[in-house]
Amino acid sequence: MLTAKQLREENIAEYLLYMWQIEDILRACRFDIEVVKHNIIVNYPTDVSTMEAMAQWYADLIEMMRREDVMTKGHIQINKNVLIQLTDLHQMLLKSTKYPEYGAEFYRTLPYIVELRAKSGEEKCGEIETCFNALYATMLMRLQHRDISDDTRLAINQISKFISMLASFFHKDRKHPLFDKEDYE
């Protein structure tokens, strides 16, 4: 809860990856709030009031996952909405002549995206979702201490650089809109 709030404000890409990880943690806890309390919340160094708020936050996420039928796979709508916002901004940035550096970074990344789609069968995923899927899969591989090939490392480095740029533009757009209202119509 606290980490999610901080990441949402500071780095939307890290926030989304964190929230995907929370979804997987809740699956691993079998959506049992008592298991979540025992394995996560009690280990957090904070006061009782914050722990209660954290328990409610996790319970709310569990309920969302149940209601939205993403208990075995997939993402809750609030996480999908972040991906939609990032994708929309991505499209606006690509169409704009104001930010050529963004388009250049995307086109440096595109061959890796195409290759990842071909390998994973994610033909229906958009470019941004494919990037996040790759970043998340790599994060899981690192947590499992699995080897990452040099080719994968090269691709992930480029994807990370690109998504970092998108996240930076997202943050800037939230502070001071990058586009005029008519650009959105």
N, C-alpha and C. Protein backbone atom coordinates (compact mmCIF):
# COMPACT_ATOMS: atom_id res chain seq x y z
N MET A 1 0.82 -1.19 0.00
CA MET A 1 0.00 0.00 0.00
C MET A 1 0.87 1.26 0.00
N LEU A 2 1.78 1.33 0.97
CA LEU A 2 2.64 2.51 1.05
C LEU A 2 3.61 2.56 -0.12
N THR A 3 4.18 1.41 -0.45
CA THR A 3 5.10 1.33 -1.58
C THR A 3 4.36 1.67 -2.87
N ALA A 4 3.17 1.11 -3.03
CA ALA A 4 2.38 1.36 -4.24
C ALA A 4 2.08 2.85 -4.39
N LYS A 5 1.69 3.48 -3.30
CA LYS A 5 1.36 4.91 -3.35
C LYS A 5 2.58 5.73 -3.75
N GLN A 6 3.72 5.41 -3.16
CA GLN A 6 4.96 6.13 -3.46
C GLN A 6 5.37 5.92 -4.92
N LEU A 7 5.33 4.67 -5.37
CA LEU A 7 5.72 4.39 -6.75
C LEU A 7 4.76 5.04 -7.75
N ARG A 8 3.48 5.07 -7.43
CA ARG A 8 2.49 5.69 -8.33
C ARG A 8 2.84 7.15 -8.57
N GLU A 9 3.33 7.81 -7.54
CA GLU A 9 3.70 9.23 -7.65
C GLU A 9 5.04 9.44 -8.33
N GLU A 10 5.96 8.50 -8.13
CA GLU A 10 7.34 8.71 -8.59
C GLU A 10 7.69 8.04 -9.91
N ASN A 11 7.17 6.83 -10.13
CA ASN A 11 7.56 6.08 -11.33
C ASN A 11 6.44 5.12 -11.71
N ILE A 12 5.64 5.50 -12.68
CA ILE A 12 4.46 4.73 -13.06
C ILE A 12 4.82 3.35 -13.58
N ALA A 13 5.96 3.21 -14.21
CA ALA A 13 6.38 1.90 -14.73
C ALA A 13 6.70 0.96 -13.57
N GLU A 14 7.45 1.43 -12.60
CA GLU A 14 7.75 0.61 -11.43
C GLU A 14 6.48 0.29 -10.66
N TYR A 15 5.57 1.25 -10.60
CA TYR A 15 4.28 1.02 -9.94
C TYR A 15 3.53 -0.14 -10.60
N LEU A 16 3.44 -0.12 -11.93
CA LEU A 16 2.69 -1.16 -12.62
C LEU A 16 3.34 -2.53 -12.40
N LEU A 17 4.65 -2.61 -12.49
CA LEU A 17 5.34 -3.88 -12.25
C LEU A 17 5.13 -4.34 -10.81
N TYR A 18 5.16 -3.42 -9.88
CA TYR A 18 4.93 -3.74 -8.47
C TYR A 18 3.51 -4.29 -8.28
N MET A 19 2.54 -3.64 -8.90
CA MET A 19 1.15 -4.09 -8.75
C MET A 19 0.94 -5.46 -9.38
N TRP A 20 1.61 -5.74 -10.49
CA TRP A 20 1.53 -7.08 -11.08
C TRP A 20 2.12 -8.10 -10.11
N GLN A 21 3.19 -7.71 -9.43
CA GLN A 21 3.81 -8.60 -8.46
C GLN A 21 2.86 -8.83 -7.28
N ILE A 22 2.18 -7.80 -6.84
CA ILE A 22 1.21 -7.94 -5.75
C ILE A 22 0.10 -8.91 -6.16
N GLU A 23 -0.37 -8.81 -7.39
CA GLU A 23 -1.39 -9.75 -7.87
C GLU A 23 -0.87 -11.19 -7.74
N ASP A 24 0.37 -11.42 -8.15
CA ASP A 24 0.94 -12.77 -8.06
C ASP A 24 1.15 -13.20 -6.61
N ILE A 25 1.52 -12.27 -5.75
CA ILE A 25 1.68 -12.60 -4.33
C ILE A 25 0.33 -13.00 -3.74
N LEU A 26 -0.72 -12.29 -4.08
CA LEU A 26 -2.05 -12.65 -3.57
C LEU A 26 -2.48 -14.02 -4.08
N ARG A 27 -2.13 -14.33 -5.32
CA ARG A 27 -2.41 -15.67 -5.84
C ARG A 27 -1.63 -16.72 -5.03
N ALA A 28 -0.37 -16.43 -4.75
CA ALA A 28 0.46 -17.36 -3.97
C ALA A 28 -0.09 -17.54 -2.55
N CYS A 29 -0.72 -16.51 -2.02
CA CYS A 29 -1.33 -16.57 -0.68
C CYS A 29 -2.74 -17.16 -0.73
N ARG A 30 -3.13 -17.64 -1.91
CA ARG A 30 -4.44 -18.25 -2.13
C ARG A 30 -5.59 -17.33 -1.74
N PHE A 31 -5.37 -16.01 -1.87
CA PHE A 31 -6.39 -15.00 -1.60
C PHE A 31 -6.90 -15.06 -0.17
N ASP A 32 -6.05 -15.52 0.71
CA ASP A 32 -6.39 -15.64 2.13
C ASP A 32 -5.77 -14.46 2.87
N ILE A 33 -6.61 -13.55 3.35
CA ILE A 33 -6.09 -12.34 4.01
C ILE A 33 -5.28 -12.67 5.25
N GLU A 34 -5.60 -13.76 5.93
CA GLU A 34 -4.83 -14.15 7.11
C GLU A 34 -3.40 -14.55 6.72
N VAL A 35 -3.25 -15.21 5.60
CA VAL A 35 -1.92 -15.57 5.09
C VAL A 35 -1.16 -14.29 4.72
N VAL A 36 -1.85 -13.35 4.09
CA VAL A 36 -1.24 -12.07 3.73
C VAL A 36 -0.79 -11.34 4.99
N LYS A 37 -1.64 -11.29 5.99
CA LYS A 37 -1.27 -10.62 7.25
C LYS A 37 -0.04 -11.28 7.86
N HIS A 38 -0.04 -12.60 7.91
CA HIS A 38 1.04 -13.35 8.55
C HIS A 38 2.36 -13.23 7.78
N ASN A 39 2.30 -13.25 6.45
CA ASN A 39 3.53 -13.27 5.66
C ASN A 39 4.02 -11.91 5.18
N ILE A 40 3.12 -10.94 5.15
CA ILE A 40 3.52 -9.64 4.60
C ILE A 40 3.35 -8.52 5.62
N ILE A 41 2.15 -8.34 6.08
CA ILE A 41 1.83 -7.15 6.88
C ILE A 41 2.57 -7.11 8.21
N VAL A 42 2.61 -8.23 8.93
CA VAL A 42 3.26 -8.22 10.25
C VAL A 42 4.77 -7.95 10.16
N ASN A 43 5.34 -8.19 9.00
CA ASN A 43 6.77 -7.95 8.81
C ASN A 43 7.09 -6.51 8.45
N TYR A 44 6.07 -5.72 8.22
CA TYR A 44 6.26 -4.33 7.83
C TYR A 44 6.43 -3.48 9.09
N PRO A 45 7.52 -2.73 9.21
CA PRO A 45 7.77 -1.95 10.42
C PRO A 45 6.92 -0.67 10.47
N THR A 46 5.73 -0.78 11.03
CA THR A 46 4.84 0.38 11.12
C THR A 46 3.89 0.22 12.30
N ASP A 47 3.05 1.20 12.49
CA ASP A 47 2.11 1.19 13.61
C ASP A 47 0.87 0.35 13.28
N VAL A 48 0.09 0.07 14.31
CA VAL A 48 -1.09 -0.78 14.19
C VAL A 48 -2.12 -0.19 13.22
N SER A 49 -2.32 1.09 13.29
CA SER A 49 -3.29 1.75 12.41
C SER A 49 -2.92 1.57 10.94
N THR A 50 -1.65 1.72 10.62
CA THR A 50 -1.19 1.54 9.24
C THR A 50 -1.31 0.08 8.84
N MET A 51 -1.02 -0.82 9.75
CA MET A 51 -1.17 -2.25 9.46
C MET A 51 -2.63 -2.59 9.13
N GLU A 52 -3.54 -1.99 9.86
CA GLU A 52 -4.97 -2.23 9.59
C GLU A 52 -5.35 -1.68 8.22
N ALA A 53 -4.82 -0.52 7.88
CA ALA A 53 -5.09 0.06 6.57
C ALA A 53 -4.49 -0.82 5.46
N MET A 54 -3.30 -1.36 5.71
CA MET A 54 -2.68 -2.26 4.75
C MET A 54 -3.53 -3.52 4.56
N ALA A 55 -4.01 -4.07 5.67
CA ALA A 55 -4.85 -5.27 5.58
C ALA A 55 -6.10 -4.98 4.75
N GLN A 56 -6.68 -3.83 4.94
CA GLN A 56 -7.87 -3.46 4.17
C GLN A 56 -7.53 -3.30 2.69
N TRP A 57 -6.37 -2.71 2.40
CA TRP A 57 -5.94 -2.52 1.03
C TRP A 57 -5.77 -3.87 0.33
N TYR A 58 -5.09 -4.80 0.99
CA TYR A 58 -4.92 -6.14 0.42
C TYR A 58 -6.26 -6.85 0.28
N ALA A 59 -7.12 -6.71 1.27
CA ALA A 59 -8.45 -7.34 1.19
C ALA A 59 -9.25 -6.77 0.02
N ASP A 60 -9.14 -5.47 -0.19
CA ASP A 60 -9.83 -4.84 -1.33
C ASP A 60 -9.28 -5.37 -2.66
N LEU A 61 -7.98 -5.53 -2.74
CA LEU A 61 -7.37 -6.07 -3.96
C LEU A 61 -7.84 -7.52 -4.20
N ILE A 62 -7.88 -8.29 -3.13
CA ILE A 62 -8.37 -9.67 -3.24
C ILE A 62 -9.80 -9.68 -3.78
N GLU A 63 -10.64 -8.83 -3.24
CA GLU A 63 -12.03 -8.76 -3.70
C GLU A 63 -12.11 -8.33 -5.16
N MET A 64 -11.30 -7.35 -5.56
CA MET A 64 -11.27 -6.93 -6.97
C MET A 64 -10.88 -8.10 -7.87
N MET A 65 -9.85 -8.83 -7.47
CA MET A 65 -9.38 -9.95 -8.29
C MET A 65 -10.47 -11.01 -8.41
N ARG A 66 -11.20 -11.24 -7.34
CA ARG A 66 -12.31 -12.21 -7.39
C ARG A 66 -13.42 -11.71 -8.32
N ARG A 67 -13.84 -10.47 -8.09
CA ARG A 67 -14.93 -9.90 -8.90
C ARG A 67 -14.58 -9.84 -10.38
N GLU A 68 -13.33 -9.54 -10.67
CA GLU A 68 -12.91 -9.37 -12.06
C GLU A 68 -12.39 -10.67 -12.68
N ASP A 69 -12.49 -11.75 -11.92
CA ASP A 69 -12.13 -13.09 -12.40
C ASP A 69 -10.71 -13.15 -12.94
N VAL A 70 -9.78 -12.64 -12.15
CA VAL A 70 -8.36 -12.73 -12.51
C VAL A 70 -7.59 -13.47 -11.42
N MET A 71 -8.22 -14.50 -10.91
CA MET A 71 -7.60 -15.23 -9.81
C MET A 71 -6.47 -16.16 -10.28
N THR A 72 -6.52 -16.60 -11.51
CA THR A 72 -5.46 -17.48 -12.00
C THR A 72 -4.48 -16.74 -12.91
N LYS A 73 -4.97 -15.76 -13.65
CA LYS A 73 -4.09 -14.98 -14.52
C LYS A 73 -4.80 -13.68 -14.88
N GLY A 74 -4.03 -12.77 -15.45
CA GLY A 74 -4.58 -11.49 -15.86
C GLY A 74 -4.39 -10.42 -14.78
N HIS A 75 -4.95 -9.25 -15.06
CA HIS A 75 -4.74 -8.10 -14.19
C HIS A 75 -6.06 -7.41 -13.90
N ILE A 76 -6.14 -6.83 -12.71
CA ILE A 76 -7.34 -6.09 -12.34
C ILE A 76 -7.43 -4.80 -13.16
N GLN A 77 -8.64 -4.28 -13.23
CA GLN A 77 -8.91 -3.14 -14.11
C GLN A 77 -8.07 -1.92 -13.75
N ILE A 78 -7.81 -1.69 -12.46
CA ILE A 78 -7.01 -0.50 -12.13
C ILE A 78 -5.61 -0.59 -12.73
N ASN A 79 -5.08 -1.80 -12.83
CA ASN A 79 -3.77 -1.98 -13.46
C ASN A 79 -3.89 -1.89 -14.98
N LYS A 80 -4.96 -2.42 -15.52
CA LYS A 80 -5.20 -2.30 -16.97
C LYS A 80 -5.33 -0.82 -17.35
N ASN A 81 -5.98 -0.04 -16.47
CA ASN A 81 -6.16 1.38 -16.75
C ASN A 81 -4.83 2.11 -16.85
N VAL A 82 -3.89 1.76 -16.00
CA VAL A 82 -2.55 2.37 -16.07
C VAL A 82 -1.91 2.03 -17.41
N LEU A 83 -2.03 0.78 -17.82
CA LEU A 83 -1.48 0.36 -19.10
C LEU A 83 -2.15 1.11 -20.25
N ILE A 84 -3.45 1.31 -20.16
CA ILE A 84 -4.19 2.07 -21.18
C ILE A 84 -3.69 3.52 -21.22
N GLN A 85 -3.51 4.13 -20.06
CA GLN A 85 -3.02 5.51 -20.01
C GLN A 85 -1.63 5.61 -20.63
N LEU A 86 -0.78 4.67 -20.31
CA LEU A 86 0.57 4.68 -20.88
C LEU A 86 0.54 4.46 -22.39
N THR A 87 -0.33 3.57 -22.84
CA THR A 87 -0.46 3.31 -24.27
C THR A 87 -1.00 4.54 -24.99
N ASP A 88 -1.99 5.19 -24.40
CA ASP A 88 -2.53 6.41 -25.01
C ASP A 88 -1.47 7.49 -25.12
N LEU A 89 -0.70 7.68 -24.04
CA LEU A 89 0.37 8.67 -24.07
C LEU A 89 1.42 8.27 -25.12
N HIS A 90 1.75 7.01 -25.18
CA HIS A 90 2.69 6.50 -26.18
C HIS A 90 2.24 6.89 -27.58
N GLN A 91 0.97 6.66 -27.88
CA GLN A 91 0.45 7.00 -29.20
C GLN A 91 0.52 8.50 -29.47
N MET A 92 0.19 9.29 -28.47
CA MET A 92 0.26 10.75 -28.62
C MET A 92 1.69 11.21 -28.87
N LEU A 93 2.62 10.64 -28.13
CA LEU A 93 4.03 11.01 -28.29
C LEU A 93 4.56 10.62 -29.67
N LEU A 94 4.14 9.45 -30.16
CA LEU A 94 4.58 9.03 -31.50
C LEU A 94 4.04 9.93 -32.59
N LYS A 95 2.82 10.39 -32.43
CA LYS A 95 2.18 11.23 -33.44
C LYS A 95 2.71 12.67 -33.41
N SER A 96 3.23 13.07 -32.28
CA SER A 96 3.66 14.45 -32.09
C SER A 96 5.02 14.72 -32.74
N THR A 97 5.16 15.91 -33.25
CA THR A 97 6.47 16.34 -33.76
C THR A 97 7.27 17.06 -32.67
N LYS A 98 6.64 17.27 -31.50
CA LYS A 98 7.30 17.98 -30.41
C LYS A 98 8.33 17.13 -29.67
N TYR A 99 8.23 15.80 -29.80
CA TYR A 99 9.09 14.92 -29.02
C TYR A 99 9.76 13.86 -29.90
N PRO A 100 10.62 14.30 -30.83
CA PRO A 100 11.24 13.34 -31.76
C PRO A 100 12.13 12.31 -31.05
N GLU A 101 12.69 12.69 -29.91
CA GLU A 101 13.56 11.76 -29.18
C GLU A 101 12.77 10.54 -28.70
N TYR A 102 11.49 10.74 -28.42
CA TYR A 102 10.66 9.61 -27.98
C TYR A 102 10.47 8.62 -29.14
N GLY A 103 10.11 9.14 -30.29
CA GLY A 103 9.93 8.28 -31.46
C GLY A 103 11.20 7.54 -31.81
N ALA A 104 12.33 8.23 -31.72
CA ALA A 104 13.61 7.59 -32.02
C ALA A 104 13.89 6.43 -31.05
N GLU A 105 13.61 6.65 -29.78
CA GLU A 105 13.83 5.60 -28.78
C GLU A 105 12.88 4.42 -29.02
N PHE A 106 11.65 4.73 -29.37
CA PHE A 106 10.69 3.66 -29.67
C PHE A 106 11.16 2.82 -30.85
N TYR A 107 11.60 3.46 -31.91
CA TYR A 107 12.02 2.71 -33.09
C TYR A 107 13.31 1.93 -32.86
N ARG A 108 14.12 2.35 -31.89
CA ARG A 108 15.28 1.54 -31.50
C ARG A 108 14.82 0.28 -30.74
N THR A 109 13.68 0.40 -30.08
CA THR A 109 13.15 -0.69 -29.26
C THR A 109 12.27 -1.64 -30.07
N LEU A 110 11.65 -1.15 -31.11
CA LEU A 110 10.67 -1.92 -31.87
C LEU A 110 11.16 -3.29 -32.35
N PRO A 111 12.37 -3.44 -32.85
CA PRO A 111 12.80 -4.78 -33.27
C PRO A 111 12.75 -5.81 -32.12
N TYR A 112 13.08 -5.37 -30.92
CA TYR A 112 13.02 -6.27 -29.76
C TYR A 112 11.57 -6.63 -29.44
N ILE A 113 10.68 -5.66 -29.55
CA ILE A 113 9.26 -5.90 -29.29
C ILE A 113 8.73 -6.93 -30.29
N VAL A 114 9.05 -6.74 -31.56
CA VAL A 114 8.58 -7.67 -32.60
C VAL A 114 9.11 -9.07 -32.33
N GLU A 115 10.38 -9.16 -31.97
CA GLU A 115 10.98 -10.46 -31.68
C GLU A 115 10.33 -11.12 -30.47
N LEU A 116 10.09 -10.33 -29.42
CA LEU A 116 9.45 -10.88 -28.23
C LEU A 116 8.04 -11.38 -28.53
N ARG A 117 7.30 -10.62 -29.32
CA ARG A 117 5.94 -11.05 -29.70
C ARG A 117 5.98 -12.37 -30.45
N ALA A 118 6.92 -12.49 -31.36
CA ALA A 118 7.03 -13.71 -32.15
C ALA A 118 7.36 -14.91 -31.26
N LYS A 119 8.27 -14.72 -30.30
CA LYS A 119 8.68 -15.81 -29.42
C LYS A 119 7.58 -16.19 -28.43
N SER A 120 6.83 -15.20 -27.95
CA SER A 120 5.86 -15.46 -26.89
C SER A 120 4.46 -15.74 -27.40
N GLY A 121 4.20 -15.42 -28.66
CA GLY A 121 2.85 -15.59 -29.19
C GLY A 121 1.90 -14.52 -28.72
N GLU A 122 2.42 -13.40 -28.28
CA GLU A 122 1.60 -12.28 -27.78
C GLU A 122 1.19 -11.35 -28.92
N GLU A 123 0.74 -11.90 -30.00
CA GLU A 123 0.39 -11.08 -31.16
C GLU A 123 -0.69 -10.05 -30.85
N LYS A 124 -1.57 -10.35 -29.89
CA LYS A 124 -2.68 -9.44 -29.58
C LYS A 124 -2.26 -8.30 -28.65
N CYS A 125 -1.13 -8.44 -28.00
CA CYS A 125 -0.67 -7.40 -27.07
C CYS A 125 -0.16 -6.19 -27.85
N GLY A 126 -0.38 -5.03 -27.28
CA GLY A 126 0.19 -3.82 -27.84
C GLY A 126 1.67 -3.74 -27.49
N GLU A 127 2.33 -2.78 -28.10
CA GLU A 127 3.77 -2.65 -27.87
C GLU A 127 4.11 -2.40 -26.40
N ILE A 128 3.34 -1.53 -25.77
CA ILE A 128 3.66 -1.18 -24.38
C ILE A 128 3.43 -2.38 -23.46
N GLU A 129 2.34 -3.09 -23.66
CA GLU A 129 2.09 -4.28 -22.85
C GLU A 129 3.16 -5.34 -23.06
N THR A 130 3.60 -5.50 -24.29
CA THR A 130 4.68 -6.45 -24.58
C THR A 130 5.94 -6.07 -23.81
N CYS A 131 6.25 -4.79 -23.78
CA CYS A 131 7.41 -4.31 -23.02
C CYS A 131 7.27 -4.64 -21.54
N PHE A 132 6.10 -4.37 -20.97
CA PHE A 132 5.90 -4.65 -19.55
C PHE A 132 5.93 -6.15 -19.27
N ASN A 133 5.37 -6.95 -20.16
CA ASN A 133 5.43 -8.41 -19.99
C ASN A 133 6.88 -8.88 -19.96
N ALA A 134 7.70 -8.32 -20.84
CA ALA A 134 9.12 -8.70 -20.89
C ALA A 134 9.85 -8.27 -19.62
N LEU A 135 9.58 -7.05 -19.18
CA LEU A 135 10.22 -6.56 -17.95
C LEU A 135 9.81 -7.40 -16.75
N TYR A 136 8.53 -7.73 -16.68
CA TYR A 136 8.03 -8.52 -15.55
C TYR A 136 8.62 -9.93 -15.57
N ALA A 137 8.64 -10.54 -16.74
CA ALA A 137 9.21 -11.89 -16.86
C ALA A 137 10.68 -11.89 -16.46
N THR A 138 11.41 -10.87 -16.86
CA THR A 138 12.83 -10.77 -16.50
C THR A 138 13.00 -10.57 -15.00
N MET A 139 12.13 -9.75 -14.42
CA MET A 139 12.18 -9.54 -12.98
C MET A 139 11.97 -10.88 -12.25
N LEU A 140 11.00 -11.67 -12.70
CA LEU A 140 10.74 -12.97 -12.08
C LEU A 140 11.94 -13.90 -12.26
N MET A 141 12.55 -13.87 -13.43
CA MET A 141 13.73 -14.71 -13.67
C MET A 141 14.86 -14.34 -12.71
N ARG A 142 15.04 -13.05 -12.50
CA ARG A 142 16.10 -12.60 -11.57
C ARG A 142 15.79 -13.03 -10.14
N LEU A 143 14.51 -12.92 -9.75
CA LEU A 143 14.12 -13.35 -8.40
C LEU A 143 14.34 -14.84 -8.20
N GLN A 144 14.21 -15.61 -9.28
CA GLN A 144 14.41 -17.05 -9.23
C GLN A 144 15.87 -17.45 -9.48
N HIS A 145 16.72 -16.44 -9.63
CA HIS A 145 18.15 -16.66 -9.89
C HIS A 145 18.38 -17.49 -11.15
N ARG A 146 17.53 -17.28 -12.15
CA ARG A 146 17.68 -17.98 -13.43
C ARG A 146 18.60 -17.19 -14.34
N ASP A 147 19.30 -17.90 -15.18
CA ASP A 147 20.21 -17.26 -16.13
C ASP A 147 19.42 -16.48 -17.17
N ILE A 148 19.97 -15.33 -17.53
CA ILE A 148 19.39 -14.49 -18.58
C ILE A 148 20.43 -14.39 -19.68
N SER A 149 20.03 -14.76 -20.88
CA SER A 149 20.98 -14.77 -22.00
C SER A 149 21.43 -13.34 -22.32
N ASP A 150 22.55 -13.26 -23.00
CA ASP A 150 23.06 -11.95 -23.40
C ASP A 150 22.09 -11.24 -24.33
N ASP A 151 21.46 -11.98 -25.24
CA ASP A 151 20.48 -11.38 -26.15
C ASP A 151 19.29 -10.82 -25.38
N THR A 152 18.82 -11.58 -24.40
CA THR A 152 17.69 -11.11 -23.60
C THR A 152 18.08 -9.89 -22.78
N ARG A 153 19.27 -9.93 -22.22
CA ARG A 153 19.76 -8.80 -21.43
C ARG A 153 19.84 -7.53 -22.29
N LEU A 154 20.32 -7.68 -23.51
CA LEU A 154 20.41 -6.56 -24.44
C LEU A 154 19.01 -6.00 -24.74
N ALA A 155 18.07 -6.90 -25.02
CA ALA A 155 16.69 -6.48 -25.31
C ALA A 155 16.07 -5.79 -24.10
N ILE A 156 16.25 -6.36 -22.94
CA ILE A 156 15.65 -5.79 -21.72
C ILE A 156 16.27 -4.44 -21.39
N ASN A 157 17.55 -4.28 -21.62
CA ASN A 157 18.18 -2.98 -21.39
C ASN A 157 17.55 -1.90 -22.28
N GLN A 158 17.33 -2.23 -23.55
CA GLN A 158 16.72 -1.26 -24.46
C GLN A 158 15.27 -1.00 -24.09
N ILE A 159 14.54 -2.06 -23.76
CA ILE A 159 13.14 -1.90 -23.36
C ILE A 159 13.05 -1.06 -22.08
N SER A 160 13.94 -1.31 -21.15
CA SER A 160 13.96 -0.54 -19.89
C SER A 160 14.19 0.93 -20.16
N LYS A 161 15.13 1.21 -21.04
CA LYS A 161 15.44 2.60 -21.39
C LYS A 161 14.21 3.27 -22.01
N PHE A 162 13.55 2.56 -22.92
CA PHE A 162 12.36 3.10 -23.57
C PHE A 162 11.21 3.31 -22.57
N ILE A 163 10.93 2.32 -21.76
CA ILE A 163 9.83 2.43 -20.79
C ILE A 163 10.14 3.50 -19.76
N SER A 164 11.39 3.65 -19.40
CA SER A 164 11.80 4.71 -18.48
C SER A 164 11.49 6.08 -19.09
N MET A 165 11.74 6.22 -20.38
CA MET A 165 11.44 7.47 -21.06
C MET A 165 9.93 7.71 -21.08
N LEU A 166 9.15 6.68 -21.36
CA LEU A 166 7.69 6.81 -21.36
C LEU A 166 7.20 7.20 -19.96
N ALA A 167 7.73 6.56 -18.94
CA ALA A 167 7.34 6.87 -17.56
C ALA A 167 7.68 8.32 -17.21
N SER A 168 8.82 8.77 -17.68
CA SER A 168 9.21 10.16 -17.43
C SER A 168 8.23 11.13 -18.10
N PHE A 169 7.86 10.83 -19.35
CA PHE A 169 6.88 11.67 -20.03
C PHE A 169 5.52 11.61 -19.31
N PHE A 170 5.16 10.46 -18.80
CA PHE A 170 3.90 10.32 -18.06
C PHE A 170 3.90 11.24 -16.84
N HIS A 171 5.00 11.21 -16.12
CA HIS A 171 5.12 12.04 -14.92
C HIS A 171 5.07 13.53 -15.29
N LYS A 172 5.79 13.91 -16.34
CA LYS A 172 5.77 15.30 -16.80
C LYS A 172 4.37 15.72 -17.24
N ASP A 173 3.68 14.82 -17.93
CA ASP A 173 2.33 15.11 -18.41
C ASP A 173 1.35 15.31 -17.26
N ARG A 174 1.57 14.62 -16.17
CA ARG A 174 0.69 14.77 -15.00
C ARG A 174 0.92 16.12 -14.31
N LYS A 175 2.15 16.58 -14.33
CA LYS A 175 2.46 17.87 -13.71
C LYS A 175 2.03 19.03 -14.59
N HIS A 176 2.40 18.95 -15.86
CA HIS A 176 2.07 19.99 -16.83
C HIS A 176 1.75 19.29 -18.15
N PRO A 177 0.49 19.27 -18.54
CA PRO A 177 0.11 18.53 -19.75
C PRO A 177 1.03 18.83 -20.94
N LEU A 178 1.45 17.76 -21.59
CA LEU A 178 2.34 17.87 -22.74
C LEU A 178 1.62 18.29 -24.01
N PHE A 179 0.32 18.05 -24.02
CA PHE A 179 -0.46 18.31 -25.23
C PHE A 179 -1.63 19.21 -24.89
N ASP A 180 -2.05 19.97 -25.90
CA ASP A 180 -3.25 20.81 -25.76
C ASP A 180 -4.48 19.92 -25.81
N LYS A 181 -5.58 20.45 -25.31
CA LYS A 181 -6.82 19.69 -25.25
C LYS A 181 -7.22 19.15 -26.63
N GLU A 182 -7.05 19.95 -27.66
CA GLU A 182 -7.45 19.52 -29.01
C GLU A 182 -6.58 18.38 -29.52
N ASP A 183 -5.40 18.18 -28.93
CA ASP A 183 -4.55 17.06 -29.33
C ASP A 183 -5.17 15.73 -28.93
N TYR A 184 -6.04 15.74 -27.92
CA TYR A 184 -6.65 14.52 -27.41
C TYR A 184 -7.91 14.14 -28.17
N GLU A 185 -8.43 15.03 -28.98
CA GLU A 185 -9.70 14.76 -29.67
C GLU A 185 -9.50 14.06 -30.98
